[in-house]
Amino acid sequence: QVQLEESGGGLVQPGGSLRLSCAASGNVMGVMGWYRQAPGKEREMVAVAKSGGSTDYADSVKGRFTISRDNAKNTVYLQMNSLKPGDTAVYYCQVDVLVVGGTTFFGVWGRGTQVTVSS
């Protein structure tokens, strides 16, 4: 079964930091990214990383979050610094193309990990 394994979420005080990790079960052949969804709101893009190294961030997290990836491990990370209560959400890992054996999957999502920023 195709799966993205996420870790690193939790409870942190405002101004604190967390590092999220997401490991793919197969070989990532496309873009990897992080999205988040707060209660009552639509899911939004947080950060995206292409295999070649280019990145993109939501305006609300620029300067605070950093996305990176380890292609050999098929893993993407999200370093979150200076966290704010508004960052509270379920964070989802997403890969555009994932190859598992001889099968190619498109638009694969993780189950999500909770990030709560509260004093």
PDB file of N, CA and C in Angstrom:
ATOM      1  N   GLN A   1       0.847  -1.182   0.000  1.00  0.00           N
ATOM      2  CA  GLN A   1       0.000   0.000   0.000  1.00  0.00           C
ATOM      3  C   GLN A   1       0.887   1.239   0.000  1.00  0.00           C
ATOM      4  N   VAL A   2       0.612   2.177  -0.879  1.00  0.00           N
ATOM      5  CA  VAL A   2       1.385   3.410  -0.970  1.00  0.00           C
ATOM      6  C   VAL A   2       1.177   4.232   0.298  1.00  0.00           C
ATOM      7  N   GLN A   3       2.277   4.772   0.835  1.00  0.00           N
ATOM      8  CA  GLN A   3       2.198   5.477   2.112  1.00  0.00           C
ATOM      9  C   GLN A   3       3.320   6.496   2.228  1.00  0.00           C
ATOM     10  N   LEU A   4       2.998   7.638   2.840  1.00  0.00           N
ATOM     11  CA  LEU A   4       3.973   8.639   3.232  1.00  0.00           C
ATOM     12  C   LEU A   4       3.998   8.687   4.743  1.00  0.00           C
ATOM     13  N   GLU A   5       5.166   8.484   5.325  1.00  0.00           N
ATOM     14  CA  GLU A   5       5.317   8.435   6.769  1.00  0.00           C
ATOM     15  C   GLU A   5       5.775   9.791   7.283  1.00  0.00           C
ATOM     16  N   GLU A   6       4.930  10.444   8.074  1.00  0.00           N
ATOM     17  CA  GLU A   6       5.212  11.762   8.619  1.00  0.00           C
ATOM     18  C   GLU A   6       5.539  11.667  10.101  1.00  0.00           C
ATOM     19  N   SER A   7       6.377  12.600  10.567  1.00  0.00           N
ATOM     20  CA  SER A   7       6.739  12.655  11.970  1.00  0.00           C
ATOM     21  C   SER A   7       7.185  14.069  12.317  1.00  0.00           C
ATOM     22  N   GLY A   8       7.234  14.373  13.607  1.00  0.00           N
ATOM     23  CA  GLY A   8       7.766  15.638  14.080  1.00  0.00           C
ATOM     24  C   GLY A   8       6.755  16.631  14.590  1.00  0.00           C
ATOM     25  N   GLY A   9       5.474  16.359  14.413  1.00  0.00           N
ATOM     26  CA  GLY A   9       4.460  17.268  14.903  1.00  0.00           C
ATOM     27  C   GLY A   9       4.356  17.229  16.411  1.00  0.00           C
ATOM     28  N   GLY A  10       3.628  18.193  16.958  1.00  0.00           N
ATOM     29  CA  GLY A  10       3.453  18.243  18.391  1.00  0.00           C
ATOM     30  C   GLY A  10       2.997  19.595  18.864  1.00  0.00           C
ATOM     31  N   LEU A  11       3.113  19.807  20.166  1.00  0.00           N
ATOM     32  CA  LEU A  11       2.715  21.055  20.814  1.00  0.00           C
ATOM     33  C   LEU A  11       3.950  21.888  21.115  1.00  0.00           C
ATOM     34  N   VAL A  12       3.895  23.165  20.761  1.00  0.00           N
ATOM     35  CA  VAL A  12       5.017  24.061  20.986  1.00  0.00           C
ATOM     36  C   VAL A  12       4.484  25.443  21.339  1.00  0.00           C
ATOM     37  N   GLN A  13       5.233  26.182  22.141  1.00  0.00           N
ATOM     38  CA  GLN A  13       4.848  27.538  22.502  1.00  0.00           C
ATOM     39  C   GLN A  13       5.170  28.513  21.381  1.00  0.00           C
ATOM     40  N   PRO A  14       4.463  29.639  21.322  1.00  0.00           N
ATOM     41  CA  PRO A  14       4.800  30.645  20.316  1.00  0.00           C
ATOM     42  C   PRO A  14       6.278  31.024  20.377  1.00  0.00           C
ATOM     43  N   GLY A  15       6.887  31.143  19.203  1.00  0.00           N
ATOM     44  CA  GLY A  15       8.305  31.429  19.113  1.00  0.00           C
ATOM     45  C   GLY A  15       9.178  30.198  19.069  1.00  0.00           C
ATOM     46  N   GLY A  16       8.602  29.042  19.316  1.00  0.00           N
ATOM     47  CA  GLY A  16       9.348  27.805  19.304  1.00  0.00           C
ATOM     48  C   GLY A  16       9.547  27.251  17.910  1.00  0.00           C
ATOM     49  N   SER A  17      10.151  26.066  17.850  1.00  0.00           N
ATOM     50  CA  SER A  17      10.493  25.441  16.577  1.00  0.00           C
ATOM     51  C   SER A  17      10.092  23.973  16.557  1.00  0.00           C
ATOM     52  N   LEU A  18       9.797  23.490  15.373  1.00  0.00           N
ATOM     53  CA  LEU A  18       9.543  22.083  15.120  1.00  0.00           C
ATOM     54  C   LEU A  18      10.140  21.723  13.770  1.00  0.00           C
ATOM     55  N   ARG A  19      10.490  20.453  13.620  1.00  0.00           N
ATOM     56  CA  ARG A  19      10.977  19.951  12.341  1.00  0.00           C
ATOM     57  C   ARG A  19      10.145  18.749  11.936  1.00  0.00           C
ATOM     58  N   LEU A  20       9.445  18.871  10.820  1.00  0.00           N
ATOM     59  CA  LEU A  20       8.637  17.795  10.292  1.00  0.00           C
ATOM     60  C   LEU A  20       9.435  16.987   9.277  1.00  0.00           C
ATOM     61  N   SER A  21       9.184  15.682   9.255  1.00  0.00           N
ATOM     62  CA  SER A  21       9.814  14.797   8.297  1.00  0.00           C
ATOM     63  C   SER A  21       8.749  13.968   7.599  1.00  0.00           C
ATOM     64  N   CYS A  22       9.003  13.624   6.353  1.00  0.00           N
ATOM     65  CA  CYS A  22       8.086  12.798   5.581  1.00  0.00           C
ATOM     66  C   CYS A  22       8.905  11.893   4.674  1.00  0.00           C
ATOM     67  N   ALA A  23       8.800  10.593   4.893  1.00  0.00           N
ATOM     68  CA  ALA A  23       9.526   9.608   4.108  1.00  0.00           C
ATOM     69  C   ALA A  23       8.564   8.841   3.214  1.00  0.00           C
ATOM     70  N   ALA A  24       8.864   8.786   1.935  1.00  0.00           N
ATOM     71  CA  ALA A  24       8.041   8.067   0.978  1.00  0.00           C
ATOM     72  C   ALA A  24       8.420   6.593   0.943  1.00  0.00           C
ATOM     73  N   SER A  25       7.426   5.744   0.731  1.00  0.00           N
ATOM     74  CA  SER A  25       7.667   4.305   0.692  1.00  0.00           C
ATOM     75  C   SER A  25       8.328   3.854  -0.596  1.00  0.00           C
ATOM     76  N   GLY A  26       8.267   4.671  -1.630  1.00  0.00           N
ATOM     77  CA  GLY A  26       8.863   4.346  -2.912  1.00  0.00           C
ATOM     78  C   GLY A  26       9.848   5.416  -3.350  1.00  0.00           C
ATOM     79  N   ASN A  27      10.033   5.518  -4.645  1.00  0.00           N
ATOM     80  CA  ASN A  27      10.961   6.475  -5.219  1.00  0.00           C
ATOM     81  C   ASN A  27      10.209   7.710  -5.705  1.00  0.00           C
ATOM     82  N   VAL A  28      10.561   8.854  -5.133  1.00  0.00           N
ATOM     83  CA  VAL A  28       9.941  10.109  -5.522  1.00  0.00           C
ATOM     84  C   VAL A  28      10.548  10.594  -6.829  1.00  0.00           C
ATOM     85  N   MET A  29       9.693  10.865  -7.793  1.00  0.00           N
ATOM     86  CA  MET A  29      10.155  11.292  -9.101  1.00  0.00           C
ATOM     87  C   MET A  29       9.731  12.714  -9.442  1.00  0.00           C
ATOM     88  N   GLY A  30       9.031  13.360  -8.564  1.00  0.00           N
ATOM     89  CA  GLY A  30       8.536  14.701  -8.817  1.00  0.00           C
ATOM     90  C   GLY A  30       8.630  15.591  -7.598  1.00  0.00           C
ATOM     91  N   VAL A  31       7.758  16.578  -7.569  1.00  0.00           N
ATOM     92  CA  VAL A  31       7.754  17.585  -6.522  1.00  0.00           C
ATOM     93  C   VAL A  31       7.286  16.982  -5.199  1.00  0.00           C
ATOM     94  N   MET A  32       7.914  17.407  -4.106  1.00  0.00           N
ATOM     95  CA  MET A  32       7.470  17.091  -2.758  1.00  0.00           C
ATOM     96  C   MET A  32       7.100  18.399  -2.073  1.00  0.00           C
ATOM     97  N   GLY A  33       6.085  18.347  -1.227  1.00  0.00           N
ATOM     98  CA  GLY A  33       5.657  19.573  -0.586  1.00  0.00           C
ATOM     99  C   GLY A  33       4.921  19.341   0.712  1.00  0.00           C
ATOM    100  N   TRP A  34       4.690  20.455   1.400  1.00  0.00           N
ATOM    101  CA  TRP A  34       3.942  20.461   2.644  1.00  0.00           C
ATOM    102  C   TRP A  34       2.733  21.368   2.506  1.00  0.00           C
ATOM    103  N   TYR A  35       1.600  20.880   2.972  1.00  0.00           N
ATOM    104  CA  TYR A  35       0.359  21.626   3.002  1.00  0.00           C
ATOM    105  C   TYR A  35      -0.203  21.577   4.412  1.00  0.00           C
ATOM    106  N   ARG A  36      -1.106  22.492   4.721  1.00  0.00           N
ATOM    107  CA  ARG A  36      -1.707  22.481   6.044  1.00  0.00           C
ATOM    108  C   ARG A  36      -3.170  22.873   5.962  1.00  0.00           C
ATOM    109  N   GLN A  37      -3.919  22.416   6.952  1.00  0.00           N
ATOM    110  CA  GLN A  37      -5.336  22.719   7.028  1.00  0.00           C
ATOM    111  C   GLN A  37      -5.718  22.961   8.482  1.00  0.00           C
ATOM    112  N   ALA A  38      -6.187  24.165   8.760  1.00  0.00           N
ATOM    113  CA  ALA A  38      -6.669  24.524  10.081  1.00  0.00           C
ATOM    114  C   ALA A  38      -8.165  24.263  10.158  1.00  0.00           C
ATOM    115  N   PRO A  39      -8.707  24.091  11.368  1.00  0.00           N
ATOM    116  CA  PRO A  39     -10.143  23.852  11.502  1.00  0.00           C
ATOM    117  C   PRO A  39     -10.973  24.943  10.836  1.00  0.00           C
ATOM    118  N   GLY A  40     -11.922  24.526  10.012  1.00  0.00           N
ATOM    119  CA  GLY A  40     -12.806  25.460   9.343  1.00  0.00           C
ATOM    120  C   GLY A  40     -12.208  26.186   8.160  1.00  0.00           C
ATOM    121  N   LYS A  41     -10.995  25.834   7.765  1.00  0.00           N
ATOM    122  CA  LYS A  41     -10.336  26.504   6.654  1.00  0.00           C
ATOM    123  C   LYS A  41      -9.953  25.513   5.567  1.00  0.00           C
ATOM    124  N   GLU A  42      -9.700  26.046   4.377  1.00  0.00           N
ATOM    125  CA  GLU A  42      -9.273  25.223   3.261  1.00  0.00           C
ATOM    126  C   GLU A  42      -7.806  24.837   3.412  1.00  0.00           C
ATOM    127  N   ARG A  43      -7.454  23.715   2.819  1.00  0.00           N
ATOM    128  CA  ARG A  43      -6.067  23.301   2.800  1.00  0.00           C
ATOM    129  C   ARG A  43      -5.257  24.270   1.940  1.00  0.00           C
ATOM    130  N   GLU A  44      -4.068  24.627   2.418  1.00  0.00           N
ATOM    131  CA  GLU A  44      -3.236  25.582   1.713  1.00  0.00           C
ATOM    132  C   GLU A  44      -1.814  25.067   1.579  1.00  0.00           C
ATOM    133  N   MET A  45      -1.144  25.511   0.533  1.00  0.00           N
ATOM    134  CA  MET A  45       0.245  25.174   0.332  1.00  0.00           C
ATOM    135  C   MET A  45       1.111  25.942   1.313  1.00  0.00           C
ATOM    136  N   VAL A  46       2.053  25.233   1.919  1.00  0.00           N
ATOM    137  CA  VAL A  46       3.004  25.848   2.837  1.00  0.00           C
ATOM    138  C   VAL A  46       4.352  26.015   2.164  1.00  0.00           C
ATOM    139  N   ALA A  47       4.877  24.934   1.607  1.00  0.00           N
ATOM    140  CA  ALA A  47       6.180  24.962   0.963  1.00  0.00           C
ATOM    141  C   ALA A  47       6.282  23.802  -0.009  1.00  0.00           C
ATOM    142  N   VAL A  48       7.005  24.023  -1.099  1.00  0.00           N
ATOM    143  CA  VAL A  48       7.193  23.016  -2.136  1.00  0.00           C
ATOM    144  C   VAL A  48       8.664  22.968  -2.513  1.00  0.00           C
ATOM    145  N   ALA A  49       9.174  21.765  -2.745  1.00  0.00           N
ATOM    146  CA  ALA A  49      10.565  21.574  -3.144  1.00  0.00           C
ATOM    147  C   ALA A  49      10.634  20.653  -4.348  1.00  0.00           C
ATOM    148  N   LYS A  50      11.292  21.116  -5.398  1.00  0.00           N
ATOM    149  CA  LYS A  50      11.525  20.296  -6.567  1.00  0.00           C
ATOM    150  C   LYS A  50      12.822  19.525  -6.417  1.00  0.00           C
ATOM    151  N   SER A  51      12.948  18.466  -7.212  1.00  0.00           N
ATOM    152  CA  SER A  51      14.136  17.624  -7.127  1.00  0.00           C
ATOM    153  C   SER A  51      15.410  18.405  -7.419  1.00  0.00           C
ATOM    154  N   GLY A  52      15.322  19.383  -8.314  1.00  0.00           N
ATOM    155  CA  GLY A  52      16.485  20.170  -8.679  1.00  0.00           C
ATOM    156  C   GLY A  52      16.922  21.182  -7.645  1.00  0.00           C
ATOM    157  N   GLY A  53      16.114  21.386  -6.600  1.00  0.00           N
ATOM    158  CA  GLY A  53      16.497  22.268  -5.515  1.00  0.00           C
ATOM    159  C   GLY A  53      15.694  23.546  -5.384  1.00  0.00           C
ATOM    160  N   SER A  54      14.894  23.885  -6.366  1.00  0.00           N
ATOM    161  CA  SER A  54      14.094  25.094  -6.266  1.00  0.00           C
ATOM    162  C   SER A  54      12.977  24.918  -5.243  1.00  0.00           C
ATOM    163  N   THR A  55      12.600  26.002  -4.597  1.00  0.00           N
ATOM    164  CA  THR A  55      11.591  25.967  -3.546  1.00  0.00           C
ATOM    165  C   THR A  55      10.604  27.102  -3.712  1.00  0.00           C
ATOM    166  N   ASP A  56       9.458  26.941  -3.076  1.00  0.00           N
ATOM    167  CA  ASP A  56       8.429  27.965  -3.064  1.00  0.00           C
ATOM    168  C   ASP A  56       7.742  27.922  -1.711  1.00  0.00           C
ATOM    169  N   TYR A  57       7.364  29.111  -1.191  1.00  0.00           N
ATOM    170  CA  TYR A  57       6.768  29.215   0.125  1.00  0.00           C
ATOM    171  C   TYR A  57       5.537  30.097   0.094  1.00  0.00           C
ATOM    172  N   ALA A  58       4.609  29.795   0.982  1.00  0.00           N
ATOM    173  CA  ALA A  58       3.509  30.709   1.222  1.00  0.00           C
ATOM    174  C   ALA A  58       4.044  31.982   1.854  1.00  0.00           C
ATOM    175  N   ASP A  59       3.433  33.117   1.522  1.00  0.00           N
ATOM    176  CA  ASP A  59       3.906  34.388   2.052  1.00  0.00           C
ATOM    177  C   ASP A  59       3.917  34.403   3.581  1.00  0.00           C
ATOM    178  N   SER A  60       2.971  33.717   4.192  1.00  0.00           N
ATOM    179  CA  SER A  60       2.832  33.749   5.637  1.00  0.00           C
ATOM    180  C   SER A  60       3.967  33.039   6.370  1.00  0.00           C
ATOM    181  N   VAL A  61       4.740  32.206   5.668  1.00  0.00           N
ATOM    182  CA  VAL A  61       5.799  31.448   6.328  1.00  0.00           C
ATOM    183  C   VAL A  61       7.186  31.809   5.827  1.00  0.00           C
ATOM    184  N   LYS A  62       7.293  32.670   4.851  1.00  0.00           N
ATOM    185  CA  LYS A  62       8.596  33.055   4.322  1.00  0.00           C
ATOM    186  C   LYS A  62       9.458  33.676   5.414  1.00  0.00           C
ATOM    187  N   GLY A  63      10.704  33.234   5.470  1.00  0.00           N
ATOM    188  CA  GLY A  63      11.620  33.711   6.484  1.00  0.00           C
ATOM    189  C   GLY A  63      11.560  32.944   7.778  1.00  0.00           C
ATOM    190  N   ARG A  64      10.536  32.115   7.950  1.00  0.00           N
ATOM    191  CA  ARG A  64      10.387  31.329   9.175  1.00  0.00           C
ATOM    192  C   ARG A  64      10.509  29.829   8.926  1.00  0.00           C
ATOM    193  N   PHE A  65       9.999  29.368   7.786  1.00  0.00           N
ATOM    194  CA  PHE A  65      10.018  27.946   7.456  1.00  0.00           C
ATOM    195  C   PHE A  65      11.043  27.678   6.360  1.00  0.00           C
ATOM    196  N   THR A  66      11.627  26.491   6.406  1.00  0.00           N
ATOM    197  CA  THR A  66      12.567  26.066   5.383  1.00  0.00           C
ATOM    198  C   THR A  66      12.260  24.630   4.978  1.00  0.00           C
ATOM    199  N   ILE A  67      12.044  24.410   3.688  1.00  0.00           N
ATOM    200  CA  ILE A  67      11.811  23.069   3.177  1.00  0.00           C
ATOM    201  C   ILE A  67      13.106  22.536   2.567  1.00  0.00           C
ATOM    202  N   SER A  68      13.364  21.261   2.771  1.00  0.00           N
ATOM    203  CA  SER A  68      14.530  20.613   2.195  1.00  0.00           C
ATOM    204  C   SER A  68      14.186  19.163   1.907  1.00  0.00           C
ATOM    205  N   ARG A  69      15.015  18.506   1.116  1.00  0.00           N
ATOM    206  CA  ARG A  69      14.742  17.115   0.772  1.00  0.00           C
ATOM    207  C   ARG A  69      16.033  16.343   0.619  1.00  0.00           C
ATOM    208  N   ASP A  70      15.955  15.063   0.915  1.00  0.00           N
ATOM    209  CA  ASP A  70      17.043  14.126   0.735  1.00  0.00           C
ATOM    210  C   ASP A  70      16.577  13.136  -0.315  1.00  0.00           C
ATOM    211  N   ASN A  71      17.030  13.318  -1.533  1.00  0.00           N
ATOM    212  CA  ASN A  71      16.552  12.488  -2.631  1.00  0.00           C
ATOM    213  C   ASN A  71      16.938  11.016  -2.454  1.00  0.00           C
ATOM    214  N   ALA A  72      18.107  10.756  -1.873  1.00  0.00           N
ATOM    215  CA  ALA A  72      18.535   9.384  -1.663  1.00  0.00           C
ATOM    216  C   ALA A  72      17.617   8.649  -0.699  1.00  0.00           C
ATOM    217  N   LYS A  73      17.046   9.377   0.261  1.00  0.00           N
ATOM    218  CA  LYS A  73      16.144   8.785   1.239  1.00  0.00           C
ATOM    219  C   LYS A  73      14.678   8.996   0.894  1.00  0.00           C
ATOM    220  N   ASN A  74      14.408   9.653  -0.231  1.00  0.00           N
ATOM    221  CA  ASN A  74      13.028   9.961  -0.621  1.00  0.00           C
ATOM    222  C   ASN A  74      12.276  10.620   0.526  1.00  0.00           C
ATOM    223  N   THR A  75      12.914  11.596   1.131  1.00  0.00           N
ATOM    224  CA  THR A  75      12.394  12.244   2.326  1.00  0.00           C
ATOM    225  C   THR A  75      12.397  13.752   2.154  1.00  0.00           C
ATOM    226  N   VAL A  76      11.368  14.395   2.658  1.00  0.00           N
ATOM    227  CA  VAL A  76      11.276  15.846   2.655  1.00  0.00           C
ATOM    228  C   VAL A  76      11.104  16.323   4.092  1.00  0.00           C
ATOM    229  N   TYR A  77      11.680  17.489   4.391  1.00  0.00           N
ATOM    230  CA  TYR A  77      11.649  18.050   5.732  1.00  0.00           C
ATOM    231  C   TYR A  77      11.054  19.452   5.695  1.00  0.00           C
ATOM    232  N   LEU A  78      10.523  19.863   6.821  1.00  0.00           N
ATOM    233  CA  LEU A  78      10.052  21.232   6.985  1.00  0.00           C
ATOM    234  C   LEU A  78      10.518  21.732   8.345  1.00  0.00           C
ATOM    235  N   GLN A  79      11.508  22.619   8.329  1.00  0.00           N
ATOM    236  CA  GLN A  79      11.980  23.260   9.544  1.00  0.00           C
ATOM    237  C   GLN A  79      11.124  24.487   9.801  1.00  0.00           C
ATOM    238  N   MET A  80      10.462  24.522  10.938  1.00  0.00           N
ATOM    239  CA  MET A  80       9.539  25.599  11.282  1.00  0.00           C
ATOM    240  C   MET A  80      10.080  26.341  12.495  1.00  0.00           C
ATOM    241  N   ASN A  81      10.432  27.599  12.301  1.00  0.00           N
ATOM    242  CA  ASN A  81      10.941  28.446  13.365  1.00  0.00           C
ATOM    243  C   ASN A  81       9.981  29.603  13.619  1.00  0.00           C
ATOM    244  N   SER A  82      10.149  30.243  14.766  1.00  0.00           N
ATOM    245  CA  SER A  82       9.322  31.398  15.135  1.00  0.00           C
ATOM    246  C   SER A  82       7.840  31.099  14.943  1.00  0.00           C
ATOM    247  N   LEU A  83       7.416  29.973  15.454  1.00  0.00           N
ATOM    248  CA  LEU A  83       6.044  29.528  15.248  1.00  0.00           C
ATOM    249  C   LEU A  83       5.042  30.459  15.920  1.00  0.00           C
ATOM    250  N   LYS A  84       3.911  30.629  15.261  1.00  0.00           N
ATOM    251  CA  LYS A  84       2.833  31.481  15.725  1.00  0.00           C
ATOM    252  C   LYS A  84       1.574  30.654  15.939  1.00  0.00           C
ATOM    253  N   PRO A  85       0.643  31.132  16.769  1.00  0.00           N
ATOM    254  CA  PRO A  85      -0.617  30.404  16.932  1.00  0.00           C
ATOM    255  C   PRO A  85      -1.331  30.160  15.607  1.00  0.00           C
ATOM    256  N   GLY A  86      -1.192  31.084  14.652  1.00  0.00           N
ATOM    257  CA  GLY A  86      -1.804  30.913  13.349  1.00  0.00           C
ATOM    258  C   GLY A  86      -1.240  29.770  12.536  1.00  0.00           C
ATOM    259  N   ASP A  87      -0.102  29.226  12.956  1.00  0.00           N
ATOM    260  CA  ASP A  87       0.470  28.070  12.283  1.00  0.00           C
ATOM    261  C   ASP A  87      -0.184  26.762  12.714  1.00  0.00           C
ATOM    262  N   THR A  88      -1.033  26.809  13.719  1.00  0.00           N
ATOM    263  CA  THR A  88      -1.702  25.615  14.201  1.00  0.00           C
ATOM    264  C   THR A  88      -2.556  25.006  13.100  1.00  0.00           C
ATOM    265  N   ALA A  89      -2.301  23.747  12.790  1.00  0.00           N
ATOM    266  CA  ALA A  89      -3.004  23.069  11.711  1.00  0.00           C
ATOM    267  C   ALA A  89      -2.527  21.630  11.641  1.00  0.00           C
ATOM    268  N   VAL A  90      -3.221  20.843  10.832  1.00  0.00           N
ATOM    269  CA  VAL A  90      -2.721  19.537  10.447  1.00  0.00           C
ATOM    270  C   VAL A  90      -1.861  19.730   9.209  1.00  0.00           C
ATOM    271  N   TYR A  91      -0.641  19.262   9.269  1.00  0.00           N
ATOM    272  CA  TYR A  91       0.299  19.412   8.175  1.00  0.00           C
ATOM    273  C   TYR A  91       0.391  18.114   7.388  1.00  0.00           C
ATOM    274  N   TYR A  92       0.242  18.224   6.072  1.00  0.00           N
ATOM    275  CA  TYR A  92       0.224  17.075   5.187  1.00  0.00           C
ATOM    276  C   TYR A  92       1.421  17.105   4.249  1.00  0.00           C
ATOM    277  N   CYS A  93       2.052  15.957   4.093  1.00  0.00           N
ATOM    278  CA  CYS A  93       3.083  15.776   3.095  1.00  0.00           C
ATOM    279  C   CYS A  93       2.438  15.329   1.784  1.00  0.00           C
ATOM    280  N   GLN A  94       2.988  15.792   0.666  1.00  0.00           N
ATOM    281  CA  GLN A  94       2.443  15.445  -0.645  1.00  0.00           C
ATOM    282  C   GLN A  94       3.574  15.274  -1.645  1.00  0.00           C
ATOM    283  N   VAL A  95       3.452  14.256  -2.491  1.00  0.00           N
ATOM    284  CA  VAL A  95       4.391  14.058  -3.588  1.00  0.00           C
ATOM    285  C   VAL A  95       3.604  13.935  -4.877  1.00  0.00           C
ATOM    286  N   ASP A  96       4.115  14.543  -5.943  1.00  0.00           N
ATOM    287  CA  ASP A  96       3.403  14.529  -7.215  1.00  0.00           C
ATOM    288  C   ASP A  96       3.494  13.174  -7.907  1.00  0.00           C
ATOM    289  N   VAL A  97       4.675  12.563  -7.883  1.00  0.00           N
ATOM    290  CA  VAL A  97       4.903  11.295  -8.568  1.00  0.00           C
ATOM    291  C   VAL A  97       5.686  10.370  -7.652  1.00  0.00           C
ATOM    292  N   LEU A  98       5.168   9.169  -7.447  1.00  0.00           N
ATOM    293  CA  LEU A  98       5.805   8.179  -6.588  1.00  0.00           C
ATOM    294  C   LEU A  98       5.810   6.844  -7.307  1.00  0.00           C
ATOM    295  N   VAL A  99       6.986   6.256  -7.449  1.00  0.00           N
ATOM    296  CA  VAL A  99       7.140   4.973  -8.132  1.00  0.00           C
ATOM    297  C   VAL A  99       7.421   3.893  -7.100  1.00  0.00           C
ATOM    298  N   VAL A 100       6.559   2.902  -7.046  1.00  0.00           N
ATOM    299  CA  VAL A 100       6.705   1.778  -6.138  1.00  0.00           C
ATOM    300  C   VAL A 100       6.754   0.511  -6.979  1.00  0.00           C
ATOM    301  N   GLY A 101       7.931  -0.096  -7.071  1.00  0.00           N
ATOM    302  CA  GLY A 101       8.096  -1.226  -7.956  1.00  0.00           C
ATOM    303  C   GLY A 101       7.859  -0.789  -9.383  1.00  0.00           C
ATOM    304  N   GLY A 102       6.962  -1.458 -10.052  1.00  0.00           N
ATOM    305  CA  GLY A 102       6.627  -1.114 -11.414  1.00  0.00           C
ATOM    306  C   GLY A 102       5.399  -0.246 -11.557  1.00  0.00           C
ATOM    307  N   THR A 103       4.908   0.295 -10.459  1.00  0.00           N
ATOM    308  CA  THR A 103       3.689   1.097 -10.466  1.00  0.00           C
ATOM    309  C   THR A 103       3.994   2.549 -10.167  1.00  0.00           C
ATOM    310  N   THR A 104       3.386   3.446 -10.919  1.00  0.00           N
ATOM    311  CA  THR A 104       3.543   4.875 -10.725  1.00  0.00           C
ATOM    312  C   THR A 104       2.254   5.462 -10.163  1.00  0.00           C
ATOM    313  N   PHE A 105       2.376   6.225  -9.079  1.00  0.00           N
ATOM    314  CA  PHE A 105       1.246   6.871  -8.442  1.00  0.00           C
ATOM    315  C   PHE A 105       1.392   8.376  -8.572  1.00  0.00           C
ATOM    316  N   PHE A 106       0.273   9.051  -8.774  1.00  0.00           N
ATOM    317  CA  PHE A 106       0.253  10.491  -8.929  1.00  0.00           C
ATOM    318  C   PHE A 106      -0.572  11.129  -7.820  1.00  0.00           C
ATOM    319  N   GLY A 107      -0.060  12.220  -7.273  1.00  0.00           N
ATOM    320  CA  GLY A 107      -0.787  12.949  -6.249  1.00  0.00           C
ATOM    321  C   GLY A 107      -0.992  12.154  -4.977  1.00  0.00           C
ATOM    322  N   VAL A 108       0.089  11.754  -4.318  1.00  0.00           N
ATOM    323  CA  VAL A 108       0.032  10.950  -3.109  1.00  0.00           C
ATOM    324  C   VAL A 108       0.116  11.853  -1.881  1.00  0.00           C
ATOM    325  N   TRP A 109      -0.755  11.611  -0.927  1.00  0.00           N
ATOM    326  CA  TRP A 109      -0.830  12.412   0.305  1.00  0.00           C
ATOM    327  C   TRP A 109      -0.565  11.570   1.534  1.00  0.00           C
ATOM    328  N   GLY A 110       0.095  12.172   2.515  1.00  0.00           N
ATOM    329  CA  GLY A 110       0.239  11.552   3.812  1.00  0.00           C
ATOM    330  C   GLY A 110      -1.021  11.714   4.632  1.00  0.00           C
ATOM    331  N   ARG A 111      -1.045  11.092   5.795  1.00  0.00           N
ATOM    332  CA  ARG A 111      -2.216  11.153   6.660  1.00  0.00           C
ATOM    333  C   ARG A 111      -2.281  12.438   7.478  1.00  0.00           C
ATOM    334  N   GLY A 112      -1.184  13.153   7.574  1.00  0.00           N
ATOM    335  CA  GLY A 112      -1.145  14.409   8.293  1.00  0.00           C
ATOM    336  C   GLY A 112      -0.582  14.259   9.690  1.00  0.00           C
ATOM    337  N   THR A 113       0.031  15.327  10.177  1.00  0.00           N
ATOM    338  CA  THR A 113       0.553  15.375  11.535  1.00  0.00           C
ATOM    339  C   THR A 113       0.144  16.701  12.170  1.00  0.00           C
ATOM    340  N   GLN A 114      -0.321  16.645  13.401  1.00  0.00           N
ATOM    341  CA  GLN A 114      -0.855  17.824  14.078  1.00  0.00           C
ATOM    342  C   GLN A 114       0.267  18.702  14.611  1.00  0.00           C
ATOM    343  N   VAL A 115       0.179  19.985  14.311  1.00  0.00           N
ATOM    344  CA  VAL A 115       1.066  20.999  14.878  1.00  0.00           C
ATOM    345  C   VAL A 115       0.200  21.995  15.631  1.00  0.00           C
ATOM    346  N   THR A 116       0.459  22.143  16.920  1.00  0.00           N
ATOM    347  CA  THR A 116      -0.300  23.064  17.754  1.00  0.00           C
ATOM    348  C   THR A 116       0.650  24.064  18.392  1.00  0.00           C
ATOM    349  N   VAL A 117       0.396  25.345  18.161  1.00  0.00           N
ATOM    350  CA  VAL A 117       1.201  26.421  18.717  1.00  0.00           C
ATOM    351  C   VAL A 117       0.329  27.177  19.707  1.00  0.00           C
ATOM    352  N   SER A 118       0.647  27.053  20.977  1.00  0.00           N
ATOM    353  CA  SER A 118      -0.185  27.644  22.016  1.00  0.00           C
ATOM    354  C   SER A 118       0.645  27.916  23.258  1.00  0.00           C
ATOM    355  N   SER A 119       0.301  28.995  23.944  1.00  0.00           N
ATOM    356  CA  SER A 119       0.943  29.330  25.199  1.00  0.00           C
ATOM    357  C   SER A 119       0.183  28.762  26.389  1.00  0.00           C
TER     358      SER A 119
END
